[in-house]
């Protein structure tokens, strides 16, 4: 995906590259900001992010939906 972003002329090209590079290094603490930036760019009206799940919330979600 980084290659695609680097070769693109997307309006948010630099944002996508920075995001993907951070995620490639397992830095996901920016997920709320990333989600909301993309959400706003697409005129989102439902689904704004307000925070990350705690480890226990994430574990419960995974167990409930994927196991």
C-alpha atoms as a PDB file:
ATOM      1  CA  UNK A   1       0.000   0.000   0.000  1.00  0.00           C
ATOM      2  CA  UNK A   2       2.891   2.356   0.677  1.00  0.00           C
ATOM      3  CA  UNK A   3       4.120   1.862  -2.894  1.00  0.00           C
ATOM      4  CA  UNK A   4       0.665   2.691  -4.214  1.00  0.00           C
ATOM      5  CA  UNK A   5       0.482   5.837  -2.083  1.00  0.00           C
ATOM      6  CA  UNK A   6       3.985   6.914  -3.095  1.00  0.00           C
ATOM      7  CA  UNK A   7       3.166   6.510  -6.785  1.00  0.00           C
ATOM      8  CA  UNK A   8      -0.149   8.325  -6.487  1.00  0.00           C
ATOM      9  CA  UNK A   9      -1.310  11.883  -6.776  1.00  0.00           C
ATOM     10  CA  UNK A  10      -3.946  11.471  -4.047  1.00  0.00           C
ATOM     11  CA  UNK A  11      -5.021  14.671  -2.346  1.00  0.00           C
ATOM     12  CA  UNK A  12      -3.968  13.186   1.005  1.00  0.00           C
ATOM     13  CA  UNK A  13      -0.893  11.377  -0.356  1.00  0.00           C
ATOM     14  CA  UNK A  14       1.535  12.534   2.347  1.00  0.00           C
ATOM     15  CA  UNK A  15      -0.971  11.736   5.083  1.00  0.00           C
ATOM     16  CA  UNK A  16      -1.421   8.181   3.780  1.00  0.00           C
ATOM     17  CA  UNK A  17       2.328   7.619   3.462  1.00  0.00           C
ATOM     18  CA  UNK A  18       3.001   8.867   7.007  1.00  0.00           C
ATOM     19  CA  UNK A  19       0.150   6.744   8.356  1.00  0.00           C
ATOM     20  CA  UNK A  20       1.199   3.573   6.549  1.00  0.00           C
ATOM     21  CA  UNK A  21       4.837   3.992   7.582  1.00  0.00           C
ATOM     22  CA  UNK A  22       3.798   4.382  11.226  1.00  0.00           C
ATOM     23  CA  UNK A  23       1.566   1.327  11.008  1.00  0.00           C
ATOM     24  CA  UNK A  24       4.324  -0.665   9.321  1.00  0.00           C
ATOM     25  CA  UNK A  25       6.367  -0.010  12.476  1.00  0.00           C
ATOM     26  CA  UNK A  26       3.440  -1.162  14.685  1.00  0.00           C
ATOM     27  CA  UNK A  27       2.590   2.377  15.832  1.00  0.00           C
ATOM     28  CA  UNK A  28      -1.196   2.401  15.903  1.00  0.00           C
ATOM     29  CA  UNK A  29      -1.688   5.070  18.564  1.00  0.00           C
ATOM     30  CA  UNK A  30      -2.763   7.434  15.764  1.00  0.00           C
ATOM     31  CA  UNK A  31      -5.726   5.264  14.715  1.00  0.00           C
ATOM     32  CA  UNK A  32      -8.395   7.657  16.004  1.00  0.00           C
ATOM     33  CA  UNK A  33      -6.824  10.631  14.236  1.00  0.00           C
ATOM     34  CA  UNK A  34      -6.359   8.621  11.035  1.00  0.00           C
ATOM     35  CA  UNK A  35      -9.923   7.310  11.115  1.00  0.00           C
ATOM     36  CA  UNK A  36     -11.395  10.754  11.710  1.00  0.00           C
ATOM     37  CA  UNK A  37      -9.242  12.421   9.043  1.00  0.00           C
ATOM     38  CA  UNK A  38     -10.471   9.925   6.446  1.00  0.00           C
ATOM     39  CA  UNK A  39     -14.005  10.089   7.877  1.00  0.00           C
ATOM     40  CA  UNK A  40     -14.039  13.904   7.565  1.00  0.00           C
ATOM     41  CA  UNK A  41     -12.549  13.804   4.059  1.00  0.00           C
ATOM     42  CA  UNK A  42     -15.493  11.615   3.049  1.00  0.00           C
ATOM     43  CA  UNK A  43     -18.060  13.870   4.757  1.00  0.00           C
ATOM     44  CA  UNK A  44     -18.762  11.297   7.447  1.00  0.00           C
ATOM     45  CA  UNK A  45     -21.876  11.735   9.527  1.00  0.00           C
ATOM     46  CA  UNK A  46     -21.955   8.478  11.502  1.00  0.00           C
ATOM     47  CA  UNK A  47     -19.027   6.666  13.048  1.00  0.00           C
ATOM     48  CA  UNK A  48     -16.677   9.338  14.379  1.00  0.00           C
ATOM     49  CA  UNK A  49     -13.969   7.784  16.561  1.00  0.00           C
ATOM     50  CA  UNK A  50     -13.466   9.070  20.099  1.00  0.00           C
ATOM     51  CA  UNK A  51     -10.812   6.775  21.500  1.00  0.00           C
ATOM     52  CA  UNK A  52      -8.941   3.514  21.300  1.00  0.00           C
ATOM     53  CA  UNK A  53     -10.076   0.371  23.064  1.00  0.00           C
ATOM     54  CA  UNK A  54      -8.143  -0.743  26.110  1.00  0.00           C
ATOM     55  CA  UNK A  55      -6.329  -4.079  25.847  1.00  0.00           C
ATOM     56  CA  UNK A  56      -9.112  -5.814  27.772  1.00  0.00           C
ATOM     57  CA  UNK A  57     -11.812  -4.220  25.584  1.00  0.00           C
ATOM     58  CA  UNK A  58      -9.936  -5.272  22.461  1.00  0.00           C
ATOM     59  CA  UNK A  59      -9.519  -8.842  23.746  1.00  0.00           C
ATOM     60  CA  UNK A  60     -13.228  -9.076  24.566  1.00  0.00           C
ATOM     61  CA  UNK A  61     -14.149  -7.717  21.123  1.00  0.00           C
ATOM     62  CA  UNK A  62     -11.893 -10.220  19.361  1.00  0.00           C
ATOM     63  CA  UNK A  63     -13.252 -13.088  21.433  1.00  0.00           C
ATOM     64  CA  UNK A  64     -16.854 -12.022  20.806  1.00  0.00           C
ATOM     65  CA  UNK A  65     -16.504 -11.532  17.052  1.00  0.00           C
ATOM     66  CA  UNK A  66     -13.657 -13.750  15.833  1.00  0.00           C
ATOM     67  CA  UNK A  67     -13.319 -16.790  18.050  1.00  0.00           C
END
